[in-house]
Amino acid sequence: MTIITALLALGGLTLLLALMLILANKKLYVYEDPRIDVVESMLPHANCGACGYPGCRPFAEALVKGDMSPAKCTVNSEDGRQAIAAYLGVDAGAEEKRVARLACAGGFNVAINRAKYAGISSCRGEALISGGGKGCSWGCLGHGDCEKVCDFDAITMNAFGIPVVDEAKCTACGDCVEVCPKDLFSIHPVSHRLWVACKSLEAGDAVLEDCEVGCTACGKCAMDAPNLISMVQNLPLIDYSKNHQTKTPIQRCPTGAIVWLESDGNVTKGPESKKIIRKGRLRVGES
């Protein structure tokens, strides 16, 4: 009799809990548009955050709701964006691809290290020790933290210890921006070809004692393009809201601190820029 009572009690409790779960499921059920799964499958699954959302799933939800246009995912191909637009019956929109840009060109062949760092191979690690051993306190330390943190293999260190961004692979996720202790990276539309590859706030030829390609604040670029460039804290400031598709400002730069970034990754300097052919490390006292 005791066993039967226990079984009935257990069975009743199980039935009661099952009914409560059924009622809770109906009460708390949240409808999810099945199109979200379809749209998510059409995205590149980079989960890079370049669209402003933490991953492809939230972005797919925003697309289905109509809060975003397919073009906002600049990592996706044009065919992919058009396919999503056709599926949702919306316009694909237009969004220019953005990439990371580096404001430094001071590799070890042109820039001096005035102190030897012997710690872990990390820009952040070296920067903790009085800003690092580089002569230019604003310059890239060259340990490749940005390369290590990039999940898309869009950054490689060149032969002189300077990061090079592959525009085709870059998703503008911003990880390199966050990890660089010198704040040398920023995210820009690919159309920003005119670029200041220096962040030094020093002025005059004394800059060249630490880096041969540093900006000396001579102001020639601003003189040649006064409506486009102004000098702010000894650096050229480009107003990208103006017509910046011109190589005029680079023509008279004596150091090549302001350059033109080609779409194939090459860097064009003006004809008056000093030609650098040195392959080895620049040491104190050399020029």
Protein backbone atom coordinates (compact mmCIF):
# COMPACT_ATOMS: atom_id res chain seq x y z
CA MET A 1 0.00 0.00 0.00
CA THR A 2 2.85 2.38 0.89
CA ILE A 3 4.53 1.70 -2.47
CA ILE A 4 1.29 2.34 -4.37
CA THR A 5 0.78 5.61 -2.50
CA ALA A 6 4.33 6.69 -3.27
CA LEU A 7 3.91 5.84 -6.96
CA LEU A 8 0.63 7.73 -7.16
CA ALA A 9 2.19 10.72 -5.43
CA LEU A 10 5.19 10.66 -7.74
CA GLY A 11 2.97 10.25 -10.78
CA GLY A 12 0.75 13.12 -9.69
CA LEU A 13 3.75 15.36 -9.07
CA THR A 14 5.17 14.48 -12.49
CA LEU A 15 1.85 15.27 -14.16
CA LEU A 16 1.59 18.55 -12.29
CA LEU A 17 5.11 19.61 -13.29
CA ALA A 18 4.45 18.62 -16.91
CA LEU A 19 1.30 20.74 -16.98
CA MET A 20 3.19 23.67 -15.45
CA LEU A 21 5.92 23.37 -18.11
CA ILE A 22 3.31 23.25 -20.89
CA LEU A 23 1.57 26.34 -19.54
CA ALA A 24 4.90 28.14 -19.04
CA ASN A 25 5.98 27.29 -22.57
CA LYS A 26 2.78 28.75 -23.99
CA LYS A 27 2.93 31.79 -21.74
CA LEU A 28 6.62 32.57 -22.26
CA TYR A 29 6.93 31.51 -25.92
CA VAL A 30 8.59 34.14 -28.06
CA TYR A 31 8.01 33.90 -31.78
CA GLU A 32 11.18 33.93 -33.88
CA ASP A 33 10.93 34.70 -37.55
CA PRO A 34 12.19 31.63 -39.47
CA ARG A 35 13.81 33.98 -41.98
CA ILE A 36 16.46 34.80 -39.40
CA ASP A 37 18.01 31.33 -39.77
CA VAL A 38 17.99 31.65 -43.55
CA VAL A 39 19.58 35.10 -43.55
CA GLU A 40 22.19 34.03 -41.00
CA SER A 41 23.18 31.15 -43.28
CA MET A 42 23.75 33.68 -46.09
CA LEU A 43 26.15 35.78 -44.01
CA PRO A 44 29.94 35.12 -43.97
CA HIS A 45 29.95 34.04 -40.28
CA ALA A 46 32.96 36.24 -39.58
CA ASN A 47 31.37 37.53 -36.36
CA CYS A 48 33.75 40.47 -36.66
CA GLY A 49 31.46 43.20 -35.37
CA ALA A 50 32.20 45.55 -38.27
CA CYS A 51 28.45 45.98 -38.86
CA GLY A 52 28.00 47.29 -35.33
CA TYR A 53 26.54 44.06 -33.94
CA PRO A 54 28.40 41.50 -31.80
CA GLY A 55 27.92 38.71 -34.33
CA CYS A 56 26.19 37.55 -37.49
CA ARG A 57 23.10 36.27 -35.65
CA PRO A 58 22.12 39.65 -34.14
CA PHE A 59 22.83 41.27 -37.49
CA ALA A 60 20.54 38.76 -39.22
CA GLU A 61 17.81 39.63 -36.72
CA ALA A 62 18.27 43.33 -37.49
CA LEU A 63 18.08 42.64 -41.23
CA VAL A 64 14.80 40.73 -40.88
CA LYS A 65 13.36 43.53 -38.73
CA GLY A 66 14.40 46.07 -41.36
CA ASP A 67 16.71 47.94 -39.00
CA MET A 68 19.75 47.36 -41.21
CA SER A 69 20.54 47.02 -44.90
CA PRO A 70 22.51 44.03 -46.29
CA ALA A 71 25.27 46.38 -47.46
CA LYS A 72 26.19 47.12 -43.86
CA CYS A 73 28.04 43.80 -43.84
CA THR A 74 31.09 44.92 -45.79
CA VAL A 75 32.73 41.52 -45.27
CA ASN A 76 30.11 39.79 -47.42
CA SER A 77 30.51 39.68 -51.19
CA GLU A 78 28.37 41.83 -53.46
CA ASP A 79 26.58 38.70 -54.68
CA GLY A 80 25.95 37.70 -51.07
CA ARG A 81 24.49 41.09 -50.21
CA GLN A 82 22.27 41.06 -53.28
CA ALA A 83 21.07 37.53 -52.44
CA ILE A 84 19.99 38.63 -48.96
CA ALA A 85 18.27 41.70 -50.38
CA ALA A 86 16.38 39.56 -52.91
CA TYR A 87 15.32 37.08 -50.24
CA LEU A 88 14.02 39.81 -47.93
CA GLY A 89 12.60 41.89 -50.76
CA VAL A 90 14.55 44.99 -49.80
CA ASP A 91 17.18 47.22 -51.35
CA ALA A 92 20.74 46.04 -50.71
CA GLY A 93 21.83 49.57 -49.88
CA ALA A 94 25.32 50.94 -50.25
CA GLU A 95 28.17 50.85 -47.75
CA GLU A 96 31.83 51.53 -48.44
CA LYS A 97 34.26 48.93 -47.19
CA ARG A 98 36.32 50.08 -44.23
CA VAL A 99 39.79 48.94 -43.28
CA ALA A 100 42.42 49.55 -40.62
CA ARG A 101 45.05 52.18 -41.34
CA LEU A 102 48.42 52.51 -39.57
CA ALA A 103 49.87 55.94 -38.75
CA CYS A 104 53.52 54.91 -38.75
CA ALA A 105 56.17 53.85 -41.26
CA GLY A 106 59.15 53.82 -38.92
CA GLY A 107 60.60 50.36 -39.38
CA PHE A 108 63.97 49.41 -37.91
CA ASN A 109 65.69 50.42 -41.17
CA VAL A 110 64.67 54.07 -40.74
CA ALA A 111 63.94 54.51 -37.03
CA ILE A 112 66.31 54.29 -34.07
CA ASN A 113 65.90 52.28 -30.91
CA ARG A 114 67.67 54.10 -28.09
CA ALA A 115 67.19 51.35 -25.52
CA LYS A 116 67.25 47.58 -25.76
CA TYR A 117 64.13 45.75 -24.63
CA ALA A 118 64.62 42.18 -23.41
CA GLY A 119 61.15 41.25 -22.13
CA ILE A 120 58.36 39.22 -23.72
CA SER A 121 57.77 39.93 -27.39
CA SER A 122 54.81 42.24 -26.96
CA CYS A 123 54.21 45.87 -27.85
CA ARG A 124 52.07 46.26 -24.76
CA GLY A 125 54.77 44.69 -22.62
CA GLU A 126 57.49 47.00 -23.93
CA ALA A 127 55.24 50.06 -23.75
CA LEU A 128 54.83 49.50 -20.01
CA ILE A 129 58.53 50.26 -19.56
CA SER A 130 58.74 54.02 -20.06
CA GLY A 131 56.87 53.77 -23.35
CA GLY A 132 59.41 51.47 -24.97
CA GLY A 133 62.93 51.86 -26.29
CA LYS A 134 62.15 53.46 -29.63
CA GLY A 135 63.61 56.91 -30.23
CA CYS A 136 60.26 58.17 -31.46
CA SER A 137 57.93 57.77 -28.49
CA TRP A 138 54.92 57.68 -30.83
CA GLY A 139 56.31 54.99 -33.15
CA CYS A 140 55.39 51.37 -33.72
CA LEU A 141 57.30 49.01 -31.43
CA GLY A 142 57.17 46.20 -33.98
CA HIS A 143 56.35 43.13 -31.87
CA GLY A 144 53.22 42.38 -33.88
CA ASP A 145 50.50 42.40 -31.20
CA CYS A 146 48.16 43.55 -33.97
CA GLU A 147 49.13 40.62 -36.20
CA LYS A 148 48.57 38.15 -33.35
CA VAL A 149 45.15 39.50 -32.43
CA CYS A 150 43.81 39.64 -36.00
CA ASP A 151 41.51 36.64 -36.55
CA PHE A 152 41.33 37.21 -40.31
CA ASP A 153 45.05 37.10 -41.20
CA ALA A 154 44.70 40.64 -42.52
CA ILE A 155 47.88 41.93 -40.84
CA THR A 156 51.43 40.79 -41.48
CA MET A 157 54.70 42.24 -40.24
CA ASN A 158 56.97 43.35 -43.07
CA ALA A 159 60.73 42.82 -43.23
CA PHE A 160 61.33 45.97 -41.17
CA GLY A 161 58.91 45.25 -38.33
CA ILE A 162 55.98 47.35 -39.50
CA PRO A 163 52.41 45.97 -39.78
CA VAL A 164 50.94 45.80 -43.27
CA VAL A 165 47.15 45.59 -43.68
CA ASP A 166 45.65 43.47 -46.45
CA GLU A 167 42.56 45.44 -47.51
CA ALA A 168 40.93 42.39 -49.08
CA LYS A 169 41.05 40.46 -45.80
CA CYS A 170 40.48 43.30 -43.33
CA THR A 171 36.98 43.34 -41.82
CA ALA A 172 37.37 46.59 -39.84
CA CYS A 173 36.66 44.65 -36.64
CA GLY A 174 38.84 47.05 -34.66
CA ASP A 175 40.85 44.48 -32.69
CA CYS A 176 44.12 46.01 -33.88
CA VAL A 177 42.88 49.45 -32.82
CA GLU A 178 42.26 48.20 -29.29
CA VAL A 179 45.49 46.23 -28.87
CA CYS A 180 47.98 48.83 -30.12
CA PRO A 181 49.48 50.63 -27.08
CA LYS A 182 50.51 53.58 -29.26
CA ASP A 183 47.03 54.12 -30.77
CA LEU A 184 48.48 53.94 -34.26
CA PHE A 185 45.55 52.14 -35.91
CA SER A 186 42.23 53.67 -36.91
CA ILE A 187 39.36 52.50 -39.11
CA HIS A 188 38.79 54.31 -42.41
CA PRO A 189 36.87 53.85 -45.66
CA VAL A 190 39.06 52.39 -48.39
CA SER A 191 38.64 55.60 -50.38
CA HIS A 192 40.91 57.37 -47.88
CA ARG A 193 44.01 56.86 -50.02
CA LEU A 194 45.74 60.08 -48.96
CA TRP A 195 47.29 59.19 -45.63
CA VAL A 196 49.60 60.62 -42.98
CA ALA A 197 51.88 57.73 -42.00
CA CYS A 198 53.20 59.39 -38.86
CA LYS A 199 51.90 60.34 -35.43
CA SER A 200 54.87 62.23 -34.00
CA LEU A 201 54.00 65.57 -32.43
CA GLU A 202 57.59 66.83 -32.64
CA ALA A 203 58.59 69.48 -35.16
CA GLY A 204 61.70 70.38 -37.11
CA ASP A 205 64.68 68.40 -38.34
CA ALA A 206 65.24 67.02 -34.83
CA VAL A 207 62.51 64.52 -35.72
CA LEU A 208 64.89 62.95 -38.25
CA GLU A 209 67.35 62.05 -35.51
CA ASP A 210 64.88 59.39 -34.39
CA CYS A 211 63.10 58.53 -37.65
CA GLU A 212 64.04 59.34 -41.23
CA VAL A 213 60.42 59.13 -42.44
CA GLY A 214 58.85 61.15 -39.63
CA CYS A 215 56.83 64.29 -40.24
CA THR A 216 58.89 67.42 -39.53
CA ALA A 217 55.82 69.69 -39.61
CA CYS A 218 57.26 71.62 -42.55
CA GLY A 219 53.71 72.32 -43.72
CA LYS A 220 54.38 71.95 -47.45
CA CYS A 221 51.42 69.60 -47.89
CA ALA A 222 49.11 72.14 -46.23
CA MET A 223 50.52 74.90 -48.43
CA ASP A 224 49.88 72.88 -51.58
CA ALA A 225 46.37 71.81 -50.54
CA PRO A 226 45.15 74.54 -48.14
CA ASN A 227 41.48 73.64 -48.49
CA LEU A 228 42.14 70.00 -47.75
CA ILE A 229 44.94 69.92 -45.17
CA SER A 230 45.63 71.94 -42.05
CA MET A 231 48.46 71.60 -39.54
CA VAL A 232 47.29 70.54 -36.08
CA GLN A 233 49.80 69.78 -33.30
CA ASN A 234 52.63 69.56 -35.85
CA LEU A 235 50.83 67.00 -38.00
CA PRO A 236 48.88 67.36 -41.25
CA LEU A 237 45.14 66.88 -40.66
CA ILE A 238 43.25 65.74 -43.76
CA ASP A 239 39.65 66.86 -44.09
CA TYR A 240 38.13 63.81 -45.73
CA SER A 241 34.82 65.61 -46.19
CA LYS A 242 36.55 67.54 -48.98
CA ASN A 243 37.74 66.11 -52.31
CA HIS A 244 40.73 64.07 -51.16
CA GLN A 245 41.29 62.05 -54.32
CA THR A 246 44.47 63.91 -55.17
CA LYS A 247 48.18 63.22 -54.88
CA THR A 248 49.10 66.90 -54.84
CA PRO A 249 49.88 67.01 -51.08
CA ILE A 250 52.51 64.26 -51.30
CA GLN A 251 54.57 65.85 -54.06
CA ARG A 252 56.84 68.06 -51.94
CA CYS A 253 56.94 66.06 -48.70
CA PRO A 254 60.67 65.74 -47.90
CA THR A 255 60.35 62.59 -45.79
CA GLY A 256 57.39 60.75 -47.31
CA ALA A 257 55.37 61.11 -44.11
CA ILE A 258 52.26 61.84 -46.17
CA VAL A 259 51.65 59.16 -48.78
CA TRP A 260 49.18 57.71 -51.25
CA LEU A 261 48.01 54.19 -50.43
CA GLU A 262 47.38 52.14 -53.56
CA SER A 263 44.60 49.53 -53.62
CA ASP A 264 47.16 46.79 -54.30
CA GLY A 265 48.97 47.53 -51.04
CA ASN A 266 51.82 49.58 -52.51
CA VAL A 267 52.69 52.96 -51.04
CA THR A 268 53.42 55.93 -53.29
CA LYS A 269 55.59 58.79 -52.03
CA GLY A 270 56.25 62.15 -53.60
CA PRO A 271 59.28 62.72 -55.88
CA GLU A 272 61.00 64.96 -53.30
CA SER A 273 60.88 62.33 -50.57
CA LYS A 274 64.22 60.91 -49.48
CA LYS A 275 64.75 57.48 -51.02
CA ILE A 276 65.37 54.78 -48.42
CA ILE A 277 67.34 51.76 -49.67
CA ARG A 278 68.76 50.56 -46.35
CA LYS A 279 67.81 46.95 -45.55
CA GLY A 280 69.54 46.58 -42.22
CA ARG A 281 68.81 48.01 -38.79
CA LEU A 282 69.43 51.72 -38.28
CA ARG A 283 71.68 52.28 -35.29
CA VAL A 284 72.33 55.39 -33.22
CA GLY A 285 74.67 57.70 -35.09
CA GLU A 286 73.82 56.37 -38.55
CA SER A 287 71.96 58.35 -41.21
